[in-house]
Protein backbone atom coordinates (compact mmCIF):
# COMPACT_ATOMS: atom_id res chain seq x y z
CA UNK A 1 179.81 67.75 134.80
CA UNK A 2 177.06 70.13 133.68
CA UNK A 3 177.95 72.87 131.24
CA UNK A 4 176.67 76.34 132.01
CA UNK A 5 174.05 77.64 129.63
CA UNK A 6 174.54 81.05 128.08
CA UNK A 7 172.80 83.89 129.91
CA UNK A 8 170.46 84.52 126.97
CA UNK A 9 169.26 80.90 127.13
CA UNK A 10 168.73 81.10 130.90
CA UNK A 11 166.72 84.30 130.52
CA UNK A 12 164.62 82.81 127.71
CA UNK A 13 163.79 79.79 129.87
CA UNK A 14 162.89 82.03 132.79
CA UNK A 15 160.67 84.25 130.61
CA UNK A 16 158.96 81.16 129.15
CA UNK A 17 158.44 79.76 132.65
CA UNK A 18 156.83 83.00 133.83
CA UNK A 19 154.64 83.13 130.71
CA UNK A 20 153.34 79.60 131.28
CA UNK A 21 152.71 79.89 135.03
CA UNK A 22 149.11 79.58 136.22
CA UNK A 23 147.52 82.94 137.12
CA UNK A 24 147.31 82.63 140.92
CA UNK A 25 150.88 81.46 141.51
CA UNK A 26 152.04 84.13 139.06
CA UNK A 27 150.13 86.84 140.94
CA UNK A 28 151.61 85.71 144.26
CA UNK A 29 155.11 85.57 142.76
CA UNK A 30 154.77 89.01 141.18
CA UNK A 31 153.42 90.64 144.34
CA UNK A 32 156.20 89.14 146.44
CA UNK A 33 159.05 89.68 143.99
CA UNK A 34 158.18 92.96 142.29
CA UNK A 35 156.07 94.78 144.90
CA UNK A 36 158.01 93.35 147.86
CA UNK A 37 154.82 92.42 149.73
CA UNK A 38 154.99 89.86 152.52
CA UNK A 39 152.65 86.88 152.57
CA UNK A 40 150.12 88.55 154.89
CA UNK A 41 149.93 91.59 152.60
CA UNK A 42 149.54 89.33 149.56
CA UNK A 43 146.75 87.40 151.31
CA UNK A 44 144.93 90.68 152.01
CA UNK A 45 145.46 91.93 148.46
CA UNK A 46 144.18 88.72 146.84
CA UNK A 47 141.52 87.84 149.43
CA UNK A 48 143.04 84.45 150.23
CA UNK A 49 144.58 82.91 153.34
CA UNK A 50 148.25 83.15 154.21
CA UNK A 51 148.39 79.36 153.94
CA UNK A 52 147.09 79.60 150.37
CA UNK A 53 149.69 82.29 149.61
CA UNK A 54 152.40 79.95 150.91
CA UNK A 55 151.02 77.10 148.80
CA UNK A 56 150.82 79.24 145.67
CA UNK A 57 154.31 80.69 146.17
CA UNK A 58 155.70 77.17 146.52
CA UNK A 59 153.87 76.19 143.33
CA UNK A 60 155.37 79.21 141.55
CA UNK A 61 158.89 78.35 142.68
CA UNK A 62 158.46 74.69 141.74
CA UNK A 63 157.21 75.72 138.29
CA UNK A 64 160.20 78.02 137.78
CA UNK A 65 162.67 75.37 138.87
CA UNK A 66 161.05 72.64 136.79
CA UNK A 67 160.71 74.87 133.72
CA UNK A 68 164.24 76.25 133.81
CA UNK A 69 166.01 72.98 134.54
CA UNK A 70 168.50 72.16 131.81
CA UNK A 71 166.59 69.10 130.57
CA UNK A 72 163.14 70.61 130.97
CA UNK A 73 162.78 69.19 134.46
CA UNK A 74 163.86 65.62 133.71
């Protein structure tokens, strides 16, 4: 059974994950999460295709999951 990590530890891991994310996935994540833009709006804003936005958002989410996993993604 997995023990829950303290909130401070979870937030630190999340902050570290965001800080180490590549620039394009981070931009897509930020625009979607903090400016509430949909993928078409993000594509227009960044001058990339919607498919690329989808790919970069998936990369951002994968990075966050991998980076915040209890054992560092292992």
